[in-house]
N, C-alpha and C. Protein backbone atom coordinates (compact mmCIF):
# COMPACT_ATOMS: atom_id res chain seq x y z
N MET A 1 7.32 -10.09 12.97
CA MET A 1 5.92 -9.61 11.83
C MET A 1 6.06 -8.62 12.44
N LYS A 2 5.99 -7.83 13.52
CA LYS A 2 5.24 -6.15 14.21
C LYS A 2 4.38 -5.67 13.18
N HIS A 3 5.08 -5.06 11.64
CA HIS A 3 4.62 -4.75 10.79
C HIS A 3 2.92 -5.48 10.11
N LEU A 4 2.86 -6.65 10.32
CA LEU A 4 1.72 -7.44 9.44
C LEU A 4 0.72 -7.39 10.15
N LYS A 5 -0.55 -6.75 10.07
CA LYS A 5 -1.49 -6.81 10.84
C LYS A 5 -2.44 -7.83 10.63
N ILE A 6 -2.63 -7.75 9.36
CA ILE A 6 -3.46 -9.00 8.25
C ILE A 6 -3.77 -10.13 9.15
N PHE A 7 -2.64 -10.69 9.40
CA PHE A 7 -2.73 -12.54 9.57
C PHE A 7 -2.88 -11.90 11.38
N GLU A 8 -2.50 -11.07 11.74
CA GLU A 8 -2.83 -11.45 13.27
C GLU A 8 -3.45 -10.55 13.66
N SER A 9 -4.88 -9.84 13.45
CA SER A 9 -5.95 -9.60 14.02
C SER A 9 -6.84 -9.23 13.13
N PHE A 10 -7.02 -9.78 12.00
CA PHE A 10 -8.07 -9.75 10.92
C PHE A 10 -9.31 -10.78 10.85
N LEU A 11 -8.37 -11.95 11.11
CA LEU A 11 -9.37 -13.26 11.25
C LEU A 11 -10.08 -13.16 11.96
N PRO A 12 -10.16 -12.74 13.58
CA PRO A 12 -10.86 -13.04 14.78
C PRO A 12 -11.88 -11.28 14.42
N ARG A 13 -12.10 -10.26 13.83
CA ARG A 13 -12.23 -9.41 14.09
C ARG A 13 -13.66 -9.42 12.66
N VAL A 14 -13.36 -10.12 11.81
CA VAL A 14 -14.34 -9.33 10.29
C VAL A 14 -14.54 -11.14 9.88
N SER A 15 -15.05 -11.42 10.15
CA SER A 15 -15.52 -12.91 10.34
C SER A 15 -16.56 -13.18 8.95
N HIS A 16 -17.78 -12.06 9.16
CA HIS A 16 -18.38 -11.63 7.81
C HIS A 16 -17.15 -11.76 5.99
N TYR A 17 -16.47 -11.24 5.91
CA TYR A 17 -15.82 -10.31 5.28
C TYR A 17 -14.54 -11.43 4.87
N LYS A 18 -14.19 -12.03 5.77
CA LYS A 18 -12.97 -13.33 5.92
C LYS A 18 -13.76 -14.57 5.35
N ASN A 19 -14.88 -14.93 5.22
CA ASN A 19 -15.77 -15.95 4.91
C ASN A 19 -15.71 -15.54 3.27
N ILE A 20 -16.69 -15.17 3.28
CA ILE A 20 -16.93 -14.69 1.77
C ILE A 20 -15.83 -13.72 0.90
N CYS A 21 -14.89 -12.98 1.62
CA CYS A 21 -13.95 -12.44 0.69
C CYS A 21 -12.33 -13.33 0.29
N TRP A 22 -12.47 -14.54 1.48
CA TRP A 22 -10.97 -15.11 1.35
C TRP A 22 -11.00 -16.59 1.54
N TYR A 23 -11.66 -17.23 3.13
CA TYR A 23 -11.26 -18.66 2.84
C TYR A 23 -12.46 -19.17 2.53
N ASN A 24 -13.50 -18.21 2.34
CA ASN A 24 -14.75 -19.52 1.49
C ASN A 24 -15.01 -18.68 0.37
N ALA A 25 -14.33 -18.30 -0.14
CA ALA A 25 -13.96 -17.26 -1.76
C ALA A 25 -13.56 -18.88 -2.76
N LYS A 26 -14.33 -18.95 -4.00
CA LYS A 26 -13.88 -20.34 -4.59
C LYS A 26 -13.61 -19.09 -5.92
N VAL A 27 -12.68 -19.36 -7.00
CA VAL A 27 -12.45 -19.06 -7.91
C VAL A 27 -13.65 -18.81 -9.14
N GLY A 28 -14.04 -18.10 -9.77
CA GLY A 28 -14.82 -17.62 -10.47
C GLY A 28 -16.68 -16.94 -9.60
N ASP A 29 -16.61 -17.30 -7.94
CA ASP A 29 -17.13 -16.18 -7.20
C ASP A 29 -17.66 -15.08 -7.65
N ILE A 30 -18.65 -14.16 -7.80
CA ILE A 30 -18.71 -12.64 -7.97
C ILE A 30 -19.87 -12.07 -6.81
N LEU A 31 -18.98 -10.99 -6.40
CA LEU A 31 -19.42 -10.60 -5.27
C LEU A 31 -19.54 -9.30 -5.73
N PRO A 32 -20.38 -8.30 -4.87
CA PRO A 32 -20.66 -6.95 -4.64
C PRO A 32 -19.97 -5.68 -4.33
N GLU A 33 -19.39 -4.77 -5.14
CA GLU A 33 -18.95 -3.79 -4.77
C GLU A 33 -18.33 -3.56 -3.35
N SER A 34 -19.71 -3.64 -2.35
CA SER A 34 -19.85 -2.87 -1.47
C SER A 34 -19.16 -4.92 -0.26
N ASP A 35 -19.59 -5.65 -1.01
CA ASP A 35 -18.52 -6.43 0.04
C ASP A 35 -16.88 -6.77 -0.27
N ILE A 36 -16.44 -6.43 -1.44
CA ILE A 36 -14.71 -5.93 -1.59
C ILE A 36 -15.01 -4.47 -0.86
N TYR A 37 -15.32 -3.40 -0.73
CA TYR A 37 -14.86 -2.43 0.33
C TYR A 37 -14.73 -2.99 1.34
N GLY A 38 -15.48 -3.20 2.07
CA GLY A 38 -15.71 -3.90 3.50
C GLY A 38 -14.22 -4.67 3.49
N TYR A 39 -14.00 -5.13 2.35
CA TYR A 39 -12.94 -6.21 2.79
C TYR A 39 -11.74 -5.51 2.81
N ILE A 40 -11.70 -4.56 1.87
CA ILE A 40 -10.32 -3.70 1.76
C ILE A 40 -10.16 -3.14 3.26
N GLU A 41 -11.08 -2.45 3.28
CA GLU A 41 -11.34 -1.40 4.70
C GLU A 41 -10.87 -2.15 5.64
N GLN A 42 -10.76 -3.74 5.76
CA GLN A 42 -10.61 -4.08 7.06
C GLN A 42 -9.15 -4.62 6.94
N LEU A 43 -8.68 -4.75 5.63
CA LEU A 43 -7.39 -5.28 5.50
C LEU A 43 -6.48 -4.21 5.91
N HIS A 44 -6.72 -3.04 5.64
CA HIS A 44 -5.71 -1.58 6.45
C HIS A 44 -5.84 -1.17 7.82
N ARG A 45 -4.64 -0.39 8.04
CA ARG A 45 -4.63 -0.53 9.36
C ARG A 45 -5.21 0.27 9.81
N THR A 46 -5.06 1.30 9.82
CA THR A 46 -5.81 2.71 9.87
C THR A 46 -6.84 3.67 8.55
N GLU A 47 -7.63 3.97 9.06
CA GLU A 47 -8.68 4.65 8.18
C GLU A 47 -7.84 5.48 7.20
N ASP A 48 -7.03 6.08 7.81
CA ASP A 48 -5.93 6.97 6.76
C ASP A 48 -5.48 6.53 5.72
N ASP A 49 -4.64 5.18 6.24
CA ASP A 49 -4.22 4.42 5.03
C ASP A 49 -5.05 3.80 4.08
N PHE A 50 -6.36 3.56 4.00
CA PHE A 50 -7.54 2.95 3.42
C PHE A 50 -7.74 4.31 2.43
N ILE A 51 -8.01 5.55 2.98
CA ILE A 51 -8.66 7.02 2.60
C ILE A 51 -7.45 7.36 1.50
N GLU A 52 -6.21 7.24 1.93
CA GLU A 52 -4.99 7.78 1.23
C GLU A 52 -4.43 6.64 -0.08
N GLY A 53 -4.39 7.66 -1.23
CA GLY A 53 -4.57 6.38 -2.38
C GLY A 53 -5.85 6.40 -3.10
N ASP A 54 -6.58 7.07 -2.59
CA ASP A 54 -8.18 7.24 -3.37
C ASP A 54 -8.68 5.83 -3.54
N LEU A 55 -8.95 4.62 -2.24
CA LEU A 55 -8.71 3.57 -2.81
C LEU A 55 -10.33 3.05 -2.88
N PRO A 56 -10.94 4.00 -1.44
CA PRO A 56 -12.81 4.72 -2.10
C PRO A 56 -13.30 4.65 -3.70
N GLU A 57 -12.82 5.26 -4.36
CA GLU A 57 -12.97 5.73 -5.43
C GLU A 57 -12.47 4.51 -6.55
N ARG A 58 -11.53 4.34 -6.03
CA ARG A 58 -10.84 2.74 -7.45
C ARG A 58 -11.72 2.12 -6.85
N ILE A 59 -11.71 1.32 -6.12
CA ILE A 59 -12.95 0.16 -5.63
C ILE A 59 -14.41 0.19 -6.24
N GLU A 60 -14.88 2.00 -6.30
CA GLU A 60 -16.17 1.87 -6.91
C GLU A 60 -16.49 2.36 -7.92
N GLN A 61 -15.35 2.07 -8.47
CA GLN A 61 -15.35 1.71 -9.96
C GLN A 61 -16.34 1.03 -11.07
N PHE A 62 -16.24 -0.02 -9.98
CA PHE A 62 -17.15 -1.49 -10.53
C PHE A 62 -17.74 -2.06 -9.45
N SER A 63 -18.99 -2.19 -10.04
CA SER A 63 -19.99 -2.76 -8.96
C SER A 63 -19.89 -3.96 -8.51
N LYS A 64 -19.44 -5.20 -9.27
CA LYS A 64 -19.15 -6.27 -9.23
C LYS A 64 -17.66 -6.95 -9.49
N TYR A 65 -17.12 -7.58 -8.86
CA TYR A 65 -15.48 -8.23 -8.58
C TYR A 65 -16.33 -9.70 -8.81
N LYS A 66 -14.86 -10.27 -9.52
CA LYS A 66 -14.83 -11.90 -9.77
C LYS A 66 -13.62 -12.32 -9.38
N LEU A 67 -13.36 -13.59 -8.65
CA LEU A 67 -12.27 -14.05 -7.96
C LEU A 67 -11.49 -14.95 -9.10
N MET A 68 -10.34 -14.66 -9.58
CA MET A 68 -9.73 -15.23 -10.53
C MET A 68 -8.41 -15.69 -10.14
N MET A 69 -7.80 -16.58 -10.74
CA MET A 69 -6.20 -16.90 -10.82
C MET A 69 -5.76 -16.16 -11.61
N VAL A 70 -4.88 -15.23 -12.02
CA VAL A 70 -4.32 -14.03 -12.62
C VAL A 70 -3.15 -14.23 -12.59
N PRO A 71 -2.56 -14.71 -13.12
CA PRO A 71 -0.91 -14.40 -13.77
C PRO A 71 -0.06 -13.18 -13.19
N ILE A 72 1.12 -13.47 -12.51
CA ILE A 72 1.43 -12.19 -11.84
C ILE A 72 2.34 -11.82 -13.56
N GLU A 73 2.64 -11.78 -14.49
CA GLU A 73 3.47 -10.94 -15.10
C GLU A 73 1.91 -10.27 -15.83
N LYS A 74 0.77 -11.05 -15.92
CA LYS A 74 -0.54 -9.69 -15.97
C LYS A 74 -0.42 -8.35 -15.36
N ILE A 75 0.17 -8.09 -14.37
CA ILE A 75 0.10 -7.19 -13.54
C ILE A 75 1.35 -6.50 -13.11
N ASN A 76 0.85 -4.70 -13.01
CA ASN A 76 2.08 -4.24 -12.78
C ASN A 76 2.15 -4.38 -11.87
N ILE A 77 2.93 -4.90 -11.07
CA ILE A 77 4.30 -4.80 -9.48
C ILE A 77 4.74 -3.84 -9.82
N ASP A 78 5.05 -2.82 -10.49
CA ASP A 78 6.02 -1.77 -10.28
C ASP A 78 5.44 -0.51 -9.81
N GLU A 79 3.62 -0.43 -9.98
CA GLU A 79 3.49 0.93 -10.29
C GLU A 79 3.11 1.91 -8.60
N TRP A 80 3.53 0.67 -7.59
CA TRP A 80 3.42 1.35 -5.98
C TRP A 80 5.23 1.26 -5.51
N GLU A 81 5.48 2.15 -4.30
CA GLU A 81 6.33 2.47 -3.83
C GLU A 81 6.10 1.26 -2.66
N LEU A 82 7.24 0.44 -2.43
CA LEU A 82 7.13 -0.95 -1.09
C LEU A 82 8.25 -1.04 -0.23
N ASP A 83 7.09 -0.95 1.05
CA ASP A 83 8.15 -1.32 1.93
C ASP A 83 8.63 -2.21 2.64
N GLU A 84 10.16 -2.13 2.46
CA GLU A 84 10.60 -4.09 2.71
C GLU A 84 10.39 -4.62 3.88
N ASP A 85 9.65 -4.17 4.61
CA ASP A 85 9.52 -5.12 5.94
C ASP A 85 7.95 -5.28 6.07
N TYR A 86 7.15 -5.06 5.23
CA TYR A 86 5.77 -5.14 4.91
C TYR A 86 6.17 -6.78 4.12
N LEU A 87 7.00 -6.58 2.93
CA LEU A 87 7.39 -7.70 1.85
C LEU A 87 7.98 -8.48 2.64
N GLU A 88 9.74 -8.66 3.85
CA GLU A 88 9.16 -9.58 4.42
C GLU A 88 8.67 -10.24 5.38
N ASP A 89 7.88 -9.89 5.68
CA ASP A 89 6.77 -9.95 6.81
C ASP A 89 5.50 -10.85 6.40
N TYR A 90 5.32 -10.19 4.63
CA TYR A 90 4.52 -11.21 4.09
C TYR A 90 4.72 -12.79 3.45
N GLN A 91 6.42 -12.06 3.30
CA GLN A 91 7.05 -13.49 2.84
C GLN A 91 7.04 -14.70 3.88
N ASN A 92 7.40 -14.22 4.61
CA ASN A 92 7.84 -15.03 5.70
C ASN A 92 6.16 -16.17 6.26
N GLN A 93 5.05 -14.97 6.23
CA GLN A 93 3.60 -15.77 6.57
C GLN A 93 3.11 -16.40 4.81
N PHE A 94 3.63 -16.43 4.03
CA PHE A 94 3.37 -17.14 3.28
C PHE A 94 3.77 -18.41 3.48
N GLU A 95 4.93 -18.03 3.84
CA GLU A 95 5.73 -19.62 3.63
C GLU A 95 5.58 -20.64 5.05
N GLU A 96 5.05 -20.12 5.59
CA GLU A 96 4.63 -20.58 6.88
C GLU A 96 2.76 -20.92 6.97
N THR A 97 2.57 -20.23 5.77
CA THR A 97 0.55 -20.77 6.78
C THR A 97 -0.03 -21.22 4.81
N ARG A 98 1.17 -20.89 3.58
CA ARG A 98 0.43 -20.99 1.93
C ARG A 98 -0.95 -20.06 1.37
N ASN A 99 -1.05 -19.13 2.74
CA ASN A 99 -2.38 -18.54 2.63
C ASN A 99 -2.22 -17.11 2.38
N TYR A 100 -3.14 -16.11 2.38
CA TYR A 100 -2.71 -14.80 1.91
C TYR A 100 -4.20 -14.55 1.34
N PRO A 101 -4.85 -13.41 1.72
CA PRO A 101 -5.55 -12.53 1.29
C PRO A 101 -5.90 -12.49 0.37
N PRO A 102 -6.83 -12.39 -1.04
CA PRO A 102 -6.67 -12.54 -2.92
C PRO A 102 -6.69 -10.42 -2.84
N ILE A 103 -6.04 -10.50 -3.72
CA ILE A 103 -5.63 -8.79 -4.11
C ILE A 103 -6.96 -8.76 -4.82
N VAL A 104 -6.67 -7.31 -4.70
CA VAL A 104 -7.96 -6.95 -5.65
C VAL A 104 -7.51 -5.73 -6.94
N LEU A 105 -7.75 -6.29 -8.25
CA LEU A 105 -7.12 -5.84 -9.34
C LEU A 105 -8.83 -4.56 -10.02
N ASP A 106 -7.79 -3.72 -10.76
CA ASP A 106 -8.65 -2.68 -11.77
C ASP A 106 -8.95 -3.71 -13.40
N GLY A 107 -10.15 -4.15 -13.55
CA GLY A 107 -10.12 -5.06 -14.21
C GLY A 107 -10.14 -4.29 -15.58
N ASP A 108 -10.50 -3.44 -15.95
CA ASP A 108 -9.87 -2.11 -17.12
C ASP A 108 -8.82 -1.96 -17.06
N THR A 109 -8.43 -3.21 -18.30
CA THR A 109 -6.75 -2.64 -18.90
C THR A 109 -6.76 -1.95 -20.03
N SER A 110 -7.61 -1.14 -20.79
CA SER A 110 -7.65 -0.58 -21.79
C SER A 110 -6.73 0.58 -21.73
N TYR A 111 -6.86 0.96 -20.87
CA TYR A 111 -6.13 2.39 -20.41
C TYR A 111 -4.67 2.00 -20.10
N SER A 112 -3.83 0.87 -20.01
CA SER A 112 -2.64 0.32 -19.81
C SER A 112 -1.86 0.44 -20.81
N PHE A 113 -0.61 1.47 -21.08
CA PHE A 113 0.04 0.43 -21.91
C PHE A 113 0.60 -0.77 -22.03
N ASP A 114 0.62 -1.28 -21.32
CA ASP A 114 0.87 -2.80 -21.63
C ASP A 114 0.06 -3.66 -21.51
N ASN A 115 -1.27 -3.96 -21.44
CA ASN A 115 -2.13 -4.51 -21.01
C ASN A 115 -2.45 -5.18 -19.67
N LYS A 116 -1.92 -4.50 -18.90
CA LYS A 116 -1.48 -5.24 -17.38
C LYS A 116 -2.61 -4.58 -16.36
N PHE A 117 -2.73 -5.62 -15.69
CA PHE A 117 -3.62 -5.26 -14.40
C PHE A 117 -3.31 -3.69 -14.04
N THR A 118 -4.19 -2.85 -13.10
CA THR A 118 -3.39 -2.09 -12.24
C THR A 118 -4.20 -2.76 -11.06
N ILE A 119 -3.46 -2.79 -9.95
CA ILE A 119 -3.50 -2.97 -8.38
C ILE A 119 -3.90 -2.04 -8.01
N ILE A 120 -5.35 -2.47 -6.98
CA ILE A 120 -6.11 -1.17 -6.65
C ILE A 120 -5.87 -1.40 -4.72
N ASP A 121 -5.70 -3.31 -4.46
CA ASP A 121 -5.17 -3.20 -3.04
C ASP A 121 -4.46 -4.61 -3.18
N GLY A 122 -3.31 -4.75 -2.26
CA GLY A 122 -2.89 -5.83 -2.26
C GLY A 122 -1.32 -5.98 -3.13
N ASN A 123 -0.94 -4.33 -3.15
CA ASN A 123 0.84 -4.29 -3.97
C ASN A 123 2.06 -5.20 -3.30
N HIS A 124 1.95 -5.11 -2.07
CA HIS A 124 2.33 -5.39 -0.68
C HIS A 124 2.42 -7.35 -0.66
N ARG A 125 1.44 -7.57 -0.74
CA ARG A 125 1.30 -9.76 -0.66
C ARG A 125 1.48 -9.82 -2.58
N VAL A 126 1.22 -9.07 -3.50
CA VAL A 126 1.18 -9.45 -5.28
C VAL A 126 3.63 -9.72 -5.25
N ASN A 127 4.03 -8.62 -5.05
CA ASN A 127 5.46 -8.38 -4.43
C ASN A 127 5.87 -9.85 -4.02
N ALA A 128 5.72 -9.83 -2.91
CA ALA A 128 6.20 -10.50 -2.09
C ALA A 128 5.62 -12.47 -2.61
N LEU A 129 5.00 -12.86 -3.04
CA LEU A 129 4.64 -13.35 -3.79
C LEU A 129 5.55 -14.28 -5.00
N ASP A 130 5.46 -12.71 -5.60
CA ASP A 130 6.04 -12.91 -6.98
C ASP A 130 7.98 -12.77 -6.51
N ARG A 131 8.32 -12.37 -5.56
CA ARG A 131 9.74 -12.40 -5.25
C ARG A 131 10.04 -13.66 -4.83
N LEU A 132 9.08 -14.70 -4.62
CA LEU A 132 8.74 -16.12 -3.75
C LEU A 132 8.83 -17.20 -5.21
N GLY A 133 8.17 -16.64 -6.21
CA GLY A 133 8.51 -17.45 -7.39
C GLY A 133 7.13 -18.24 -7.49
N VAL A 134 6.24 -17.71 -7.16
CA VAL A 134 4.38 -17.73 -7.20
C VAL A 134 4.38 -17.37 -8.77
N LYS A 135 3.66 -17.54 -9.38
CA LYS A 135 3.27 -17.28 -10.53
C LYS A 135 1.37 -17.07 -11.05
N LEU A 136 1.03 -17.70 -10.52
CA LEU A 136 -0.31 -17.33 -10.39
C LEU A 136 -0.85 -16.51 -8.61
N VAL A 137 -1.56 -15.42 -8.76
CA VAL A 137 -2.65 -15.11 -7.84
C VAL A 137 -3.58 -15.06 -7.89
N LYS A 138 -4.61 -15.31 -6.66
CA LYS A 138 -6.01 -15.29 -6.22
C LYS A 138 -5.98 -13.00 -6.06
N ALA A 139 -6.97 -13.18 -7.51
CA ALA A 139 -7.52 -11.81 -7.34
C ALA A 139 -8.71 -11.48 -7.96
N TRP A 140 -9.45 -10.68 -6.91
CA TRP A 140 -10.61 -10.20 -7.34
C TRP A 140 -10.45 -9.30 -8.61
N VAL A 141 -11.17 -9.37 -9.39
CA VAL A 141 -10.56 -8.57 -10.63
C VAL A 141 -12.27 -7.46 -10.71
N GLY A 142 -12.47 -6.83 -10.97
CA GLY A 142 -13.39 -5.87 -11.75
C GLY A 142 -14.04 -5.87 -12.66
N ILE A 143 -15.25 -6.09 -12.86
CA ILE A 143 -15.64 -6.78 -14.25
C ILE A 143 -16.38 -5.22 -14.55
N LYS A 144 -16.13 -5.35 -15.78
CA LYS A 144 -16.09 -3.81 -16.41
C LYS A 144 -17.74 -4.08 -16.62
N SER A 145 -18.58 -3.14 -16.63
CA SER A 145 -19.85 -2.65 -17.26
C SER A 145 -20.02 -2.77 -18.44
N THR A 146 -20.94 -3.21 -19.21
CA THR A 146 -21.42 -2.99 -20.50
C THR A 146 -22.35 -2.59 -20.84
């Protein structure tokens, strides 16, 4: 599992984000964008990895995020290129721990041709879970401002 940073080094380094965005998070919790920003930033291996793919701008589209259980069939999981080594690492880790960091979704499905959620962060995680037959995933979903 040389490719999988999240399970090896995330936990000891970022207890604040680990606690509020992962382990102590409960379905229905609502967090500000700043917490989700820090959470996603810590999940990535390098600053370039975080900046590429315009993650900061995509996260900042929403001022709040709500933790929900989302059917994988309602998520566009084919949008991004996948690294098979990462997928295998995530599959193995999930099979061992039955735990994973919640993914992050764009809460505005109105511009999607099929009304599916777009992934902001967690493409490899959700695809690994899908391959294992998981039907519902924990996801921080951006809340549209009214």
